Amino acid sequence: DSGSNVGVLVDGTLYHPGDSFTLPDR
């Protein structure tokens, strides 16, 4: 169980997904 993770899109410019390949919504 690798646990939870959250990605972050900063100011609509840079997307950091953490340890995931979750796609941004844009």
PDB file of all heavy atoms in Angstrom:
ATOM      1  N   ASP A   1       0.858  -1.181   0.000  1.00  0.00           N
ATOM      2  CA  ASP A   1       0.000   0.000   0.000  1.00  0.00           C
ATOM      3  C   ASP A   1       0.896   1.233   0.000  1.00  0.00           C
ATOM      4  O   ASP A   1       1.519   1.558   1.010  1.00  0.00           O
ATOM      5  CB  ASP A   1      -0.910   0.002   1.238  1.00  0.00           C
ATOM      6  CG  ASP A   1      -1.834   1.216   1.281  1.00  0.00           C
ATOM      7  OD1 ASP A   1      -1.824   2.016   0.320  1.00  0.00           O
ATOM      8  OD2 ASP A   1      -2.562   1.378   2.280  1.00  0.00           O
ATOM      9  N   SER A   2       0.975   1.901  -1.122  1.00  0.00           N
ATOM     10  CA  SER A   2       1.868   3.049  -1.242  1.00  0.00           C
ATOM     11  C   SER A   2       1.291   4.318  -0.630  1.00  0.00           C
ATOM     12  O   SER A   2       1.993   5.316  -0.494  1.00  0.00           O
ATOM     13  CB  SER A   2       2.212   3.294  -2.720  1.00  0.00           C
ATOM     14  OG  SER A   2       2.882   2.176  -3.263  1.00  0.00           O
ATOM     15  N   GLY A   3       0.003   4.291  -0.283  1.00  0.00           N
ATOM     16  CA  GLY A   3      -0.592   5.418   0.420  1.00  0.00           C
ATOM     17  C   GLY A   3      -1.195   6.471  -0.488  1.00  0.00           C
ATOM     18  O   GLY A   3      -1.366   6.290  -1.695  1.00  0.00           O
ATOM     19  N   SER A   4      -1.512   7.588   0.117  1.00  0.00           N
ATOM     20  CA  SER A   4      -2.179   8.678  -0.596  1.00  0.00           C
ATOM     21  C   SER A   4      -1.160   9.642  -1.184  1.00  0.00           C
ATOM     22  O   SER A   4       0.016   9.660  -0.815  1.00  0.00           O
ATOM     23  CB  SER A   4      -3.129   9.416   0.350  1.00  0.00           C
ATOM     24  OG  SER A   4      -2.426   9.897   1.480  1.00  0.00           O
ATOM     25  N   ASN A   5      -1.625  10.460  -2.105  1.00  0.00           N
ATOM     26  CA  ASN A   5      -0.773  11.409  -2.812  1.00  0.00           C
ATOM     27  C   ASN A   5      -1.662  12.481  -3.412  1.00  0.00           C
ATOM     28  O   ASN A   5      -2.789  12.214  -3.825  1.00  0.00           O
ATOM     29  CB  ASN A   5      -0.007  10.673  -3.923  1.00  0.00           C
ATOM     30  CG  ASN A   5       0.870  11.586  -4.761  1.00  0.00           C
ATOM     31  OD1 ASN A   5       2.031  11.808  -4.443  1.00  0.00           O
ATOM     32  ND2 ASN A   5       0.327  12.133  -5.841  1.00  0.00           N
ATOM     33  N   VAL A   6      -1.145  13.694  -3.458  1.00  0.00           N
ATOM     34  CA  VAL A   6      -1.891  14.772  -4.111  1.00  0.00           C
ATOM     35  C   VAL A   6      -0.946  15.518  -5.032  1.00  0.00           C
ATOM     36  O   VAL A   6       0.223  15.743  -4.704  1.00  0.00           O
ATOM     37  CB  VAL A   6      -2.519  15.732  -3.065  1.00  0.00           C
ATOM     38  CG1 VAL A   6      -1.472  16.519  -2.315  1.00  0.00           C
ATOM     39  CG2 VAL A   6      -3.529  16.661  -3.705  1.00  0.00           C
ATOM     40  N   GLY A   7      -1.418  15.826  -6.239  1.00  0.00           N
ATOM     41  CA  GLY A   7      -0.658  16.665  -7.152  1.00  0.00           C
ATOM     42  C   GLY A   7      -1.092  18.109  -6.986  1.00  0.00           C
ATOM     43  O   GLY A   7      -2.141  18.396  -6.410  1.00  0.00           O
ATOM     44  N   VAL A   8      -0.262  19.032  -7.491  1.00  0.00           N
ATOM     45  CA  VAL A   8      -0.603  20.449  -7.354  1.00  0.00           C
ATOM     46  C   VAL A   8      -0.275  21.200  -8.640  1.00  0.00           C
ATOM     47  O   VAL A   8       0.791  21.024  -9.238  1.00  0.00           O
ATOM     48  CB  VAL A   8       0.129  21.092  -6.145  1.00  0.00           C
ATOM     49  CG1 VAL A   8       1.641  21.026  -6.300  1.00  0.00           C
ATOM     50  CG2 VAL A   8      -0.331  22.526  -5.935  1.00  0.00           C
ATOM     51  N   LEU A   9      -1.224  22.012  -9.071  1.00  0.00           N
ATOM     52  CA  LEU A   9      -1.041  22.925 -10.193  1.00  0.00           C
ATOM     53  C   LEU A   9      -0.898  24.324  -9.603  1.00  0.00           C
ATOM     54  O   LEU A   9      -1.807  24.816  -8.936  1.00  0.00           O
ATOM     55  CB  LEU A   9      -2.236  22.862 -11.146  1.00  0.00           C
ATOM     56  CG  LEU A   9      -2.232  23.852 -12.312  1.00  0.00           C
ATOM     57  CD1 LEU A   9      -1.031  23.609 -13.233  1.00  0.00           C
ATOM     58  CD2 LEU A   9      -3.548  23.747 -13.100  1.00  0.00           C
ATOM     59  N   VAL A  10       0.254  24.940  -9.834  1.00  0.00           N
ATOM     60  CA  VAL A  10       0.560  26.235  -9.237  1.00  0.00           C
ATOM     61  C   VAL A  10       0.296  27.341 -10.243  1.00  0.00           C
ATOM     62  O   VAL A  10       0.947  27.407 -11.294  1.00  0.00           O
ATOM     63  CB  VAL A  10       2.028  26.297  -8.758  1.00  0.00           C
ATOM     64  CG1 VAL A  10       2.312  27.652  -8.099  1.00  0.00           C
ATOM     65  CG2 VAL A  10       2.318  25.165  -7.772  1.00  0.00           C
ATOM     66  N   ASP A  11      -0.676  28.177  -9.925  1.00  0.00           N
ATOM     67  CA  ASP A  11      -0.982  29.365 -10.715  1.00  0.00           C
ATOM     68  C   ASP A  11      -1.283  29.031 -12.176  1.00  0.00           C
ATOM     69  O   ASP A  11      -1.001  29.835 -13.069  1.00  0.00           O
ATOM     70  CB  ASP A  11       0.180  30.359 -10.624  1.00  0.00           C
ATOM     71  CG  ASP A  11      -0.297  31.804 -10.643  1.00  0.00           C
ATOM     72  OD1 ASP A  11      -1.310  32.103  -9.991  1.00  0.00           O
ATOM     73  OD2 ASP A  11       0.339  32.641 -11.312  1.00  0.00           O
ATOM     74  N   GLY A  12      -1.806  27.842 -12.418  1.00  0.00           N
ATOM     75  CA  GLY A  12      -2.137  27.440 -13.779  1.00  0.00           C
ATOM     76  C   GLY A  12      -0.931  27.249 -14.670  1.00  0.00           C
ATOM     77  O   GLY A  12      -1.074  27.087 -15.891  1.00  0.00           O
ATOM     78  N   THR A  13       0.270  27.226 -14.091  1.00  0.00           N
ATOM     79  CA  THR A  13       1.502  27.228 -14.892  1.00  0.00           C
ATOM     80  C   THR A  13       2.310  25.957 -14.742  1.00  0.00           C
ATOM     81  O   THR A  13       2.687  25.333 -15.734  1.00  0.00           O
ATOM     82  CB  THR A  13       2.377  28.437 -14.502  1.00  0.00           C
ATOM     83  OG1 THR A  13       1.646  29.637 -14.755  1.00  0.00           O
ATOM     84  CG2 THR A  13       3.682  28.452 -15.299  1.00  0.00           C
ATOM     85  N   LEU A  14       2.591  25.545 -13.507  1.00  0.00           N
ATOM     86  CA  LEU A  14       3.432  24.374 -13.276  1.00  0.00           C
ATOM     87  C   LEU A  14       2.631  23.297 -12.556  1.00  0.00           C
ATOM     88  O   LEU A  14       1.998  23.572 -11.537  1.00  0.00           O
ATOM     89  CB  LEU A  14       4.667  24.738 -12.448  1.00  0.00           C
ATOM     90  CG  LEU A  14       5.591  23.556 -12.127  1.00  0.00           C
ATOM     91  CD1 LEU A  14       7.055  23.966 -12.279  1.00  0.00           C
ATOM     92  CD2 LEU A  14       5.357  23.026 -10.709  1.00  0.00           C
ATOM     93  N   TYR A  15       2.695  22.089 -13.109  1.00  0.00           N
ATOM     94  CA  TYR A  15       2.003  20.958 -12.492  1.00  0.00           C
ATOM     95  C   TYR A  15       3.026  19.976 -11.939  1.00  0.00           C
ATOM     96  O   TYR A  15       3.895  19.477 -12.665  1.00  0.00           O
ATOM     97  CB  TYR A  15       1.120  20.246 -13.519  1.00  0.00           C
ATOM     98  CG  TYR A  15       0.383  19.048 -12.970  1.00  0.00           C
ATOM     99  CD1 TYR A  15      -0.468  19.171 -11.871  1.00  0.00           C
ATOM    100  CD2 TYR A  15       0.523  17.788 -13.548  1.00  0.00           C
ATOM    101  CE1 TYR A  15      -1.148  18.074 -11.358  1.00  0.00           C
ATOM    102  CE2 TYR A  15      -0.161  16.686 -13.055  1.00  0.00           C
ATOM    103  CZ  TYR A  15      -0.988  16.835 -11.952  1.00  0.00           C
ATOM    104  OH  TYR A  15      -1.666  15.742 -11.448  1.00  0.00           O
ATOM    105  N   HIS A  16       2.922  19.718 -10.630  1.00  0.00           N
ATOM    106  CA  HIS A  16       3.769  18.749  -9.918  1.00  0.00           C
ATOM    107  C   HIS A  16       2.844  17.625  -9.457  1.00  0.00           C
ATOM    108  O   HIS A  16       1.999  17.834  -8.584  1.00  0.00           O
ATOM    109  CB  HIS A  16       4.428  19.434  -8.733  1.00  0.00           C
ATOM    110  CG  HIS A  16       5.469  18.629  -8.017  1.00  0.00           C
ATOM    111  ND1 HIS A  16       5.252  17.338  -7.572  1.00  0.00           N
ATOM    112  CD2 HIS A  16       6.749  18.944  -7.646  1.00  0.00           C
ATOM    113  CE1 HIS A  16       6.349  16.901  -6.969  1.00  0.00           C
ATOM    114  NE2 HIS A  16       7.264  17.843  -6.997  1.00  0.00           N
ATOM    115  N   PRO A  17       2.975  16.405 -10.008  1.00  0.00           N
ATOM    116  CA  PRO A  17       2.030  15.342  -9.684  1.00  0.00           C
ATOM    117  C   PRO A  17       2.369  14.528  -8.451  1.00  0.00           C
ATOM    118  O   PRO A  17       1.645  13.583  -8.127  1.00  0.00           O
ATOM    119  CB  PRO A  17       2.088  14.462 -10.931  1.00  0.00           C
ATOM    120  CG  PRO A  17       3.524  14.569 -11.359  1.00  0.00           C
ATOM    121  CD  PRO A  17       3.929  15.993 -11.051  1.00  0.00           C
ATOM    122  N   GLY A  18       3.472  14.895  -7.748  1.00  0.00           N
ATOM    123  CA  GLY A  18       3.920  14.025  -6.671  1.00  0.00           C
ATOM    124  C   GLY A  18       4.350  12.695  -7.254  1.00  0.00           C
ATOM    125  O   GLY A  18       4.914  12.636  -8.352  1.00  0.00           O
ATOM    126  N   ASP A  19       4.084  11.615  -6.542  1.00  0.00           N
ATOM    127  CA  ASP A  19       4.428  10.279  -7.039  1.00  0.00           C
ATOM    128  C   ASP A  19       3.210   9.657  -7.714  1.00  0.00           C
ATOM    129  O   ASP A  19       2.586   8.711  -7.197  1.00  0.00           O
ATOM    130  CB  ASP A  19       4.922   9.393  -5.889  1.00  0.00           C
ATOM    131  CG  ASP A  19       6.375   9.655  -5.542  1.00  0.00           C
ATOM    132  OD1 ASP A  19       6.974  10.579  -6.135  1.00  0.00           O
ATOM    133  OD2 ASP A  19       6.912   8.950  -4.670  1.00  0.00           O
ATOM    134  N   SER A  20       2.861  10.197  -8.858  1.00  0.00           N
ATOM    135  CA  SER A  20       1.716   9.678  -9.598  1.00  0.00           C
ATOM    136  C   SER A  20       1.807  10.137 -11.041  1.00  0.00           C
ATOM    137  O   SER A  20       2.590  11.033 -11.378  1.00  0.00           O
ATOM    138  CB  SER A  20       0.395  10.167  -8.991  1.00  0.00           C
ATOM    139  OG  SER A  20       0.093  11.488  -9.431  1.00  0.00           O
ATOM    140  N   PHE A  21       0.981   9.544 -11.869  1.00  0.00           N
ATOM    141  CA  PHE A  21       0.803  10.008 -13.240  1.00  0.00           C
ATOM    142  C   PHE A  21      -0.626  10.504 -13.431  1.00  0.00           C
ATOM    143  O   PHE A  21      -1.204  10.379 -14.516  1.00  0.00           O
ATOM    144  CB  PHE A  21       1.128   8.880 -14.231  1.00  0.00           C
ATOM    145  CG  PHE A  21       2.588   8.503 -14.251  1.00  0.00           C
ATOM    146  CD1 PHE A  21       2.976   7.191 -14.019  1.00  0.00           C
ATOM    147  CD2 PHE A  21       3.569   9.451 -14.505  1.00  0.00           C
ATOM    148  CE1 PHE A  21       4.320   6.837 -14.038  1.00  0.00           C
ATOM    149  CE2 PHE A  21       4.915   9.102 -14.510  1.00  0.00           C
ATOM    150  CZ  PHE A  21       5.291   7.789 -14.290  1.00  0.00           C
ATOM    151  N   THR A  22      -1.204  11.066 -12.399  1.00  0.00           N
ATOM    152  CA  THR A  22      -2.528  11.661 -12.495  1.00  0.00           C
ATOM    153  C   THR A  22      -2.476  12.843 -13.458  1.00  0.00           C
ATOM    154  O   THR A  22      -1.623  13.732 -13.317  1.00  0.00           O
ATOM    155  CB  THR A  22      -3.019  12.153 -11.126  1.00  0.00           C
ATOM    156  OG1 THR A  22      -3.070  11.042 -10.227  1.00  0.00           O
ATOM    157  CG2 THR A  22      -4.405  12.781 -11.232  1.00  0.00           C
ATOM    158  N   LEU A  23      -3.380  12.870 -14.414  1.00  0.00           N
ATOM    159  CA  LEU A  23      -3.369  13.915 -15.431  1.00  0.00           C
ATOM    160  C   LEU A  23      -3.965  15.207 -14.877  1.00  0.00           C
ATOM    161  O   LEU A  23      -4.945  15.172 -14.131  1.00  0.00           O
ATOM    162  CB  LEU A  23      -4.168  13.477 -16.656  1.00  0.00           C
ATOM    163  CG  LEU A  23      -3.638  12.247 -17.401  1.00  0.00           C
ATOM    164  CD1 LEU A  23      -4.628  11.837 -18.481  1.00  0.00           C
ATOM    165  CD2 LEU A  23      -2.273  12.535 -18.004  1.00  0.00           C
ATOM    166  N   PRO A  24      -3.409  16.355 -15.251  1.00  0.00           N
ATOM    167  CA  PRO A  24      -4.053  17.618 -14.899  1.00  0.00           C
ATOM    168  C   PRO A  24      -5.314  17.788 -15.747  1.00  0.00           C
ATOM    169  O   PRO A  24      -5.503  17.081 -16.746  1.00  0.00           O
ATOM    170  CB  PRO A  24      -2.993  18.661 -15.269  1.00  0.00           C
ATOM    171  CG  PRO A  24      -2.210  18.017 -16.367  1.00  0.00           C
ATOM    172  CD  PRO A  24      -2.190  16.549 -16.047  1.00  0.00           C
ATOM    173  N   ASP A  25      -6.175  18.720 -15.359  1.00  0.00           N
ATOM    174  CA  ASP A  25      -7.434  18.886 -16.081  1.00  0.00           C
ATOM    175  C   ASP A  25      -7.314  19.827 -17.272  1.00  0.00           C
ATOM    176  O   ASP A  25      -8.312  20.223 -17.866  1.00  0.00           O
ATOM    177  CB  ASP A  25      -8.536  19.379 -15.138  1.00  0.00           C
ATOM    178  CG  ASP A  25      -8.230  20.746 -14.543  1.00  0.00           C
ATOM    179  OD1 ASP A  25      -7.170  21.325 -14.882  1.00  0.00           O
ATOM    180  OD2 ASP A  25      -9.033  21.230 -13.729  1.00  0.00           O
ATOM    181  N   ARG A  26      -6.080  20.191 -17.626  1.00  0.00           N
ATOM    182  CA  ARG A  26      -5.849  21.088 -18.758  1.00  0.00           C
ATOM    183  C   ARG A  26      -4.423  20.884 -19.253  1.00  0.00           C
ATOM    184  O   ARG A  26      -3.605  20.267 -18.580  1.00  0.00           O
ATOM    185  CB  ARG A  26      -6.035  22.550 -18.330  1.00  0.00           C
ATOM    186  CG  ARG A  26      -4.933  23.044 -17.370  1.00  0.00           C
ATOM    187  CD  ARG A  26      -5.283  24.334 -16.689  1.00  0.00           C
ATOM    188  NE  ARG A  26      -6.198  24.098 -15.571  1.00  0.00           N
ATOM    189  CZ  ARG A  26      -6.595  25.047 -14.748  1.00  0.00           C
ATOM    190  NH1 ARG A  26      -6.203  26.290 -14.941  1.00  0.00           N
ATOM    191  NH2 ARG A  26      -7.418  24.764 -13.750  1.00  0.00           N
TER     192      ARG A  26
END
